[in-house]
């Protein structure tokens, strides 16, 4: 899981992922809550693309929860 800084205990488990039409994925940001991540994904989708999820192979923004490694 990603934290705010290397010295902090604050964990940001919710990631906004940009997926392009070819299936390539890029982490856009990490957030503390699902609600915050969904708001960012929605805003980014409105600004320049098809919105959250993928639509007809055009790509989009996804929200994923990153679980701690076992």
PDB file of N, CA and C in Angstrom:
ATOM      1  N   UNK A   1       0.836  -1.182   0.000  1.00  0.00           N
ATOM      2  CA  UNK A   1       0.000   0.000   0.000  1.00  0.00           C
ATOM      3  C   UNK A   1       0.875   1.238   0.000  1.00  0.00           C
ATOM      4  N   UNK A   2       0.371   2.267  -0.556  1.00  0.00           N
ATOM      5  CA  UNK A   2       1.103   3.517  -0.642  1.00  0.00           C
ATOM      6  C   UNK A   2       0.803   4.371   0.588  1.00  0.00           C
ATOM      7  N   UNK A   3       1.836   5.029   1.120  1.00  0.00           N
ATOM      8  CA  UNK A   3       1.641   5.934   2.246  1.00  0.00           C
ATOM      9  C   UNK A   3       1.959   7.351   1.800  1.00  0.00           C
ATOM     10  N   UNK A   4       1.555   8.324   2.621  1.00  0.00           N
ATOM     11  CA  UNK A   4       1.759   9.735   2.283  1.00  0.00           C
ATOM     12  C   UNK A   4       3.244  10.032   2.101  1.00  0.00           C
ATOM     13  N   UNK A   5       4.064   9.564   3.014  1.00  0.00           N
ATOM     14  CA  UNK A   5       5.515   9.702   2.889  1.00  0.00           C
ATOM     15  C   UNK A   5       6.164   8.486   3.519  1.00  0.00           C
ATOM     16  N   UNK A   6       7.424   8.315   3.298  1.00  0.00           N
ATOM     17  CA  UNK A   6       8.116   7.167   3.839  1.00  0.00           C
ATOM     18  C   UNK A   6       8.127   7.126   5.361  1.00  0.00           C
ATOM     19  N   UNK A   7       7.999   8.270   6.011  1.00  0.00           N
ATOM     20  CA  UNK A   7       8.065   8.339   7.465  1.00  0.00           C
ATOM     21  C   UNK A   7       6.695   8.379   8.133  1.00  0.00           C
ATOM     22  N   UNK A   8       5.641   8.345   7.355  1.00  0.00           N
ATOM     23  CA  UNK A   8       4.294   8.511   7.893  1.00  0.00           C
ATOM     24  C   UNK A   8       3.593   7.170   8.029  1.00  0.00           C
ATOM     25  N   UNK A   9       2.654   7.107   8.955  1.00  0.00           N
ATOM     26  CA  UNK A   9       1.825   5.922   9.108  1.00  0.00           C
ATOM     27  C   UNK A   9       0.510   6.046   8.359  1.00  0.00           C
ATOM     28  N   UNK A  10       0.276   7.187   7.704  1.00  0.00           N
ATOM     29  CA  UNK A  10      -0.953   7.396   6.958  1.00  0.00           C
ATOM     30  C   UNK A  10      -0.935   6.535   5.698  1.00  0.00           C
ATOM     31  N   UNK A  11      -1.967   5.724   5.531  1.00  0.00           N
ATOM     32  CA  UNK A  11      -2.027   4.802   4.402  1.00  0.00           C
ATOM     33  C   UNK A  11      -3.091   5.286   3.423  1.00  0.00           C
ATOM     34  N   UNK A  12      -2.763   5.208   2.137  1.00  0.00           N
ATOM     35  CA  UNK A  12      -3.676   5.614   1.070  1.00  0.00           C
ATOM     36  C   UNK A  12      -3.981   4.393   0.205  1.00  0.00           C
ATOM     37  N   UNK A  13      -4.949   3.573   0.642  1.00  0.00           N
ATOM     38  CA  UNK A  13      -5.183   2.304  -0.045  1.00  0.00           C
ATOM     39  C   UNK A  13      -6.021   2.386  -1.316  1.00  0.00           C
ATOM     40  N   UNK A  14      -6.680   3.507  -1.563  1.00  0.00           N
ATOM     41  CA  UNK A  14      -7.545   3.621  -2.741  1.00  0.00           C
ATOM     42  C   UNK A  14      -6.793   4.317  -3.861  1.00  0.00           C
ATOM     43  N   UNK A  15      -6.666   3.633  -4.998  1.00  0.00           N
ATOM     44  CA  UNK A  15      -5.909   4.160  -6.119  1.00  0.00           C
ATOM     45  C   UNK A  15      -6.828   4.460  -7.286  1.00  0.00           C
ATOM     46  N   UNK A  16      -6.568   5.596  -7.947  1.00  0.00           N
ATOM     47  CA  UNK A  16      -7.237   5.920  -9.204  1.00  0.00           C
ATOM     48  C   UNK A  16      -6.275   5.487 -10.306  1.00  0.00           C
ATOM     49  N   UNK A  17      -6.779   4.657 -11.199  1.00  0.00           N
ATOM     50  CA  UNK A  17      -5.987   4.088 -12.285  1.00  0.00           C
ATOM     51  C   UNK A  17      -6.554   4.558 -13.618  1.00  0.00           C
ATOM     52  N   UNK A  18      -5.670   5.028 -14.505  1.00  0.00           N
ATOM     53  CA  UNK A  18      -6.069   5.378 -15.870  1.00  0.00           C
ATOM     54  C   UNK A  18      -5.774   4.174 -16.742  1.00  0.00           C
ATOM     55  N   UNK A  19      -6.780   3.665 -17.427  1.00  0.00           N
ATOM     56  CA  UNK A  19      -6.578   2.557 -18.349  1.00  0.00           C
ATOM     57  C   UNK A  19      -6.865   3.057 -19.750  1.00  0.00           C
ATOM     58  N   UNK A  20      -5.871   2.901 -20.642  1.00  0.00           N
ATOM     59  CA  UNK A  20      -6.077   3.382 -22.009  1.00  0.00           C
ATOM     60  C   UNK A  20      -6.750   2.302 -22.856  1.00  0.00           C
ATOM     61  N   UNK A  21      -7.030   2.627 -24.096  1.00  0.00           N
ATOM     62  CA  UNK A  21      -7.737   1.725 -24.991  1.00  0.00           C
ATOM     63  C   UNK A  21      -6.996   0.441 -25.293  1.00  0.00           C
ATOM     64  N   UNK A  22      -5.689   0.414 -25.058  1.00  0.00           N
ATOM     65  CA  UNK A  22      -4.895  -0.788 -25.301  1.00  0.00           C
ATOM     66  C   UNK A  22      -4.729  -1.650 -24.052  1.00  0.00           C
ATOM     67  N   UNK A  23      -5.351  -1.231 -22.948  1.00  0.00           N
ATOM     68  CA  UNK A  23      -5.267  -1.991 -21.709  1.00  0.00           C
ATOM     69  C   UNK A  23      -4.103  -1.611 -20.814  1.00  0.00           C
ATOM     70  N   UNK A  24      -3.295  -0.631 -21.223  1.00  0.00           N
ATOM     71  CA  UNK A  24      -2.200  -0.163 -20.376  1.00  0.00           C
ATOM     72  C   UNK A  24      -2.780   0.589 -19.192  1.00  0.00           C
ATOM     73  N   UNK A  25      -2.165   0.409 -18.004  1.00  0.00           N
ATOM     74  CA  UNK A  25      -2.694   1.006 -16.784  1.00  0.00           C
ATOM     75  C   UNK A  25      -1.638   1.885 -16.124  1.00  0.00           C
ATOM     76  N   UNK A  26      -2.081   3.039 -15.613  1.00  0.00           N
ATOM     77  CA  UNK A  26      -1.200   4.010 -14.967  1.00  0.00           C
ATOM     78  C   UNK A  26      -1.866   4.519 -13.695  1.00  0.00           C
ATOM     79  N   UNK A  27      -1.142   4.475 -12.578  1.00  0.00           N
ATOM     80  CA  UNK A  27      -1.709   5.003 -11.336  1.00  0.00           C
ATOM     81  C   UNK A  27      -1.666   6.525 -11.388  1.00  0.00           C
ATOM     82  N   UNK A  28      -2.817   7.153 -11.207  1.00  0.00           N
ATOM     83  CA  UNK A  28      -2.942   8.605 -11.243  1.00  0.00           C
ATOM     84  C   UNK A  28      -2.760   9.191  -9.849  1.00  0.00           C
ATOM     85  N   UNK A  29      -3.286   8.514  -8.827  1.00  0.00           N
ATOM     86  CA  UNK A  29      -3.181   9.021  -7.472  1.00  0.00           C
ATOM     87  C   UNK A  29      -3.638   7.992  -6.472  1.00  0.00           C
ATOM     88  N   UNK A  30      -3.321   8.256  -5.204  1.00  0.00           N
ATOM     89  CA  UNK A  30      -3.702   7.385  -4.092  1.00  0.00           C
ATOM     90  C   UNK A  30      -4.454   8.218  -3.065  1.00  0.00           C
ATOM     91  N   UNK A  31      -5.511   7.620  -2.486  1.00  0.00           N
ATOM     92  CA  UNK A  31      -6.395   8.369  -1.602  1.00  0.00           C
ATOM     93  C   UNK A  31      -6.774   7.539  -0.384  1.00  0.00           C
ATOM     94  N   UNK A  32      -7.149   8.220   0.679  1.00  0.00           N
ATOM     95  CA  UNK A  32      -7.480   7.564   1.940  1.00  0.00           C
ATOM     96  C   UNK A  32      -8.845   6.888   1.914  1.00  0.00           C
ATOM     97  N   UNK A  33      -9.787   7.438   1.149  1.00  0.00           N
ATOM     98  CA  UNK A  33     -11.143   6.886   1.138  1.00  0.00           C
ATOM     99  C   UNK A  33     -11.601   6.583  -0.280  1.00  0.00           C
ATOM    100  N   UNK A  34     -12.513   5.643  -0.380  1.00  0.00           N
ATOM    101  CA  UNK A  34     -13.079   5.281  -1.679  1.00  0.00           C
ATOM    102  C   UNK A  34     -13.860   6.448  -2.264  1.00  0.00           C
ATOM    103  N   UNK A  35     -14.583   7.160  -1.414  1.00  0.00           N
ATOM    104  CA  UNK A  35     -15.376   8.305  -1.861  1.00  0.00           C
ATOM    105  C   UNK A  35     -14.496   9.348  -2.530  1.00  0.00           C
ATOM    106  N   UNK A  36     -13.376   9.664  -1.898  1.00  0.00           N
ATOM    107  CA  UNK A  36     -12.449  10.648  -2.467  1.00  0.00           C
ATOM    108  C   UNK A  36     -11.904  10.165  -3.811  1.00  0.00           C
ATOM    109  N   UNK A  37     -11.512   8.899  -3.886  1.00  0.00           N
ATOM    110  CA  UNK A  37     -10.985   8.349  -5.132  1.00  0.00           C
ATOM    111  C   UNK A  37     -12.040   8.373  -6.242  1.00  0.00           C
ATOM    112  N   UNK A  38     -13.282   8.028  -5.909  1.00  0.00           N
ATOM    113  CA  UNK A  38     -14.364   8.055  -6.903  1.00  0.00           C
ATOM    114  C   UNK A  38     -14.628   9.467  -7.410  1.00  0.00           C
ATOM    115  N   UNK A  39     -14.575  10.456  -6.515  1.00  0.00           N
ATOM    116  CA  UNK A  39     -14.785  11.849  -6.921  1.00  0.00           C
ATOM    117  C   UNK A  39     -13.708  12.297  -7.903  1.00  0.00           C
ATOM    118  N   UNK A  40     -12.454  11.925  -7.630  1.00  0.00           N
ATOM    119  CA  UNK A  40     -11.357  12.295  -8.515  1.00  0.00           C
ATOM    120  C   UNK A  40     -11.509  11.594  -9.866  1.00  0.00           C
ATOM    121  N   UNK A  41     -11.825  10.309  -9.844  1.00  0.00           N
ATOM    122  CA  UNK A  41     -11.993   9.558 -11.088  1.00  0.00           C
ATOM    123  C   UNK A  41     -13.115  10.156 -11.940  1.00  0.00           C
ATOM    124  N   UNK A  42     -14.201  10.529 -11.288  1.00  0.00           N
ATOM    125  CA  UNK A  42     -15.324  11.125 -12.009  1.00  0.00           C
ATOM    126  C   UNK A  42     -14.920  12.467 -12.616  1.00  0.00           C
ATOM    127  N   UNK A  43     -14.229  13.283 -11.840  1.00  0.00           N
ATOM    128  CA  UNK A  43     -13.794  14.594 -12.335  1.00  0.00           C
ATOM    129  C   UNK A  43     -12.828  14.442 -13.514  1.00  0.00           C
ATOM    130  N   UNK A  44     -11.890  13.526 -13.404  1.00  0.00           N
ATOM    131  CA  UNK A  44     -10.942  13.298 -14.491  1.00  0.00           C
ATOM    132  C   UNK A  44     -11.649  12.766 -15.734  1.00  0.00           C
ATOM    133  N   UNK A  45     -12.626  11.886 -15.527  1.00  0.00           N
ATOM    134  CA  UNK A  45     -13.373  11.338 -16.656  1.00  0.00           C
ATOM    135  C   UNK A  45     -14.146  12.401 -17.408  1.00  0.00           C
ATOM    136  N   UNK A  46     -14.723  13.347 -16.680  1.00  0.00           N
ATOM    137  CA  UNK A  46     -15.470  14.437 -17.314  1.00  0.00           C
ATOM    138  C   UNK A  46     -14.535  15.378 -18.064  1.00  0.00           C
ATOM    139  N   UNK A  47     -13.324  15.553 -17.522  1.00  0.00           N
ATOM    140  CA  UNK A  47     -12.388  16.511 -18.096  1.00  0.00           C
ATOM    141  C   UNK A  47     -11.788  16.028 -19.411  1.00  0.00           C
ATOM    142  N   UNK A  48     -11.630  14.712 -19.564  1.00  0.00           N
ATOM    143  CA  UNK A  48     -10.941  14.321 -20.778  1.00  0.00           C
ATOM    144  C   UNK A  48     -11.185  12.921 -21.255  1.00  0.00           C
ATOM    145  N   UNK A  49     -12.367  12.384 -21.047  1.00  0.00           N
ATOM    146  CA  UNK A  49     -12.529  11.032 -21.552  1.00  0.00           C
ATOM    147  C   UNK A  49     -13.885  10.450 -21.246  1.00  0.00           C
ATOM    148  N   UNK A  50     -13.950   9.146 -21.334  1.00  0.00           N
ATOM    149  CA  UNK A  50     -15.213   8.453 -21.223  1.00  0.00           C
ATOM    150  C   UNK A  50     -15.722   8.244 -19.808  1.00  0.00           C
ATOM    151  N   UNK A  51     -15.010   8.706 -18.807  1.00  0.00           N
ATOM    152  CA  UNK A  51     -15.479   8.541 -17.430  1.00  0.00           C
ATOM    153  C   UNK A  51     -14.873   7.329 -16.779  1.00  0.00           C
ATOM    154  N   UNK A  52     -15.473   6.886 -15.692  1.00  0.00           N
ATOM    155  CA  UNK A  52     -14.916   5.752 -14.968  1.00  0.00           C
ATOM    156  C   UNK A  52     -15.214   4.464 -15.708  1.00  0.00           C
ATOM    157  N   UNK A  53     -14.320   3.519 -15.571  1.00  0.00           N
ATOM    158  CA  UNK A  53     -14.474   2.252 -16.273  1.00  0.00           C
ATOM    159  C   UNK A  53     -14.002   2.381 -17.709  1.00  0.00           C
ATOM    160  N   UNK A  54     -14.183   1.330 -18.478  1.00  0.00           N
ATOM    161  CA  UNK A  54     -13.790   1.389 -19.883  1.00  0.00           C
ATOM    162  C   UNK A  54     -15.035   1.291 -20.740  1.00  0.00           C
ATOM    163  N   UNK A  55     -15.015   2.009 -21.823  1.00  0.00           N
ATOM    164  CA  UNK A  55     -16.159   2.039 -22.728  1.00  0.00           C
ATOM    165  C   UNK A  55     -15.658   1.746 -24.129  1.00  0.00           C
ATOM    166  N   UNK A  56     -16.069   0.617 -24.691  1.00  0.00           N
ATOM    167  CA  UNK A  56     -15.730   0.257 -26.072  1.00  0.00           C
ATOM    168  C   UNK A  56     -14.243   0.363 -26.367  1.00  0.00           C
ATOM    169  N   UNK A  57     -13.399  -0.040 -25.407  1.00  0.00           N
ATOM    170  CA  UNK A  57     -11.960  -0.042 -25.624  1.00  0.00           C
ATOM    171  C   UNK A  57     -11.319   1.325 -25.645  1.00  0.00           C
ATOM    172  N   UNK A  58     -12.045   2.371 -25.257  1.00  0.00           N
ATOM    173  CA  UNK A  58     -11.508   3.727 -25.291  1.00  0.00           C
ATOM    174  C   UNK A  58     -10.722   4.074 -24.033  1.00  0.00           C
ATOM    175  N   UNK A  59     -10.787   3.260 -23.011  1.00  0.00           N
ATOM    176  CA  UNK A  59     -10.090   3.562 -21.768  1.00  0.00           C
ATOM    177  C   UNK A  59     -10.968   4.318 -20.800  1.00  0.00           C
ATOM    178  N   UNK A  60     -10.393   4.651 -19.665  1.00  0.00           N
ATOM    179  CA  UNK A  60     -11.130   5.386 -18.657  1.00  0.00           C
ATOM    180  C   UNK A  60     -10.418   5.335 -17.322  1.00  0.00           C
ATOM    181  N   UNK A  61     -11.112   5.741 -16.280  1.00  0.00           N
ATOM    182  CA  UNK A  61     -10.544   5.793 -14.936  1.00  0.00           C
ATOM    183  C   UNK A  61     -11.213   4.756 -14.052  1.00  0.00           C
ATOM    184  N   UNK A  62     -10.406   4.000 -13.322  1.00  0.00           N
ATOM    185  CA  UNK A  62     -10.875   2.956 -12.431  1.00  0.00           C
ATOM    186  C   UNK A  62     -10.458   3.291 -11.006  1.00  0.00           C
ATOM    187  N   UNK A  63     -11.201   2.802 -10.035  1.00  0.00           N
ATOM    188  CA  UNK A  63     -10.833   2.948  -8.631  1.00  0.00           C
ATOM    189  C   UNK A  63     -10.612   1.541  -8.086  1.00  0.00           C
ATOM    190  N   UNK A  64      -9.446   1.339  -7.479  1.00  0.00           N
ATOM    191  CA  UNK A  64      -9.110   0.036  -6.931  1.00  0.00           C
ATOM    192  C   UNK A  64      -8.601   0.169  -5.509  1.00  0.00           C
ATOM    193  N   UNK A  65      -8.921  -0.827  -4.686  1.00  0.00           N
ATOM    194  CA  UNK A  65      -8.404  -0.883  -3.319  1.00  0.00           C
ATOM    195  C   UNK A  65      -7.191  -1.800  -3.338  1.00  0.00           C
ATOM    196  N   UNK A  66      -6.098  -1.310  -2.809  1.00  0.00           N
ATOM    197  CA  UNK A  66      -4.870  -2.084  -2.784  1.00  0.00           C
ATOM    198  C   UNK A  66      -4.730  -2.724  -1.408  1.00  0.00           C
ATOM    199  N   UNK A  67      -4.747  -4.034  -1.373  1.00  0.00           N
ATOM    200  CA  UNK A  67      -4.652  -4.767  -0.113  1.00  0.00           C
ATOM    201  C   UNK A  67      -3.194  -4.892   0.291  1.00  0.00           C
ATOM    202  N   UNK A  68      -2.924  -4.927   1.594  1.00  0.00           N
ATOM    203  CA  UNK A  68      -1.537  -5.090   2.044  1.00  0.00           C
ATOM    204  C   UNK A  68      -1.007  -6.459   1.618  1.00  0.00           C
ATOM    205  N   UNK A  69       0.280  -6.532   1.289  1.00  0.00           N
ATOM    206  CA  UNK A  69       0.836  -7.829   0.877  1.00  0.00           C
ATOM    207  C   UNK A  69       0.815  -8.834   2.039  1.00  0.00           C
ATOM    208  N   UNK A  70       0.654 -10.103   1.702  1.00  0.00           N
ATOM    209  CA  UNK A  70       0.642 -11.153   2.741  1.00  0.00           C
ATOM    210  C   UNK A  70       2.049 -11.484   3.171  1.00  0.00           C
TER     211      UNK A  70
END
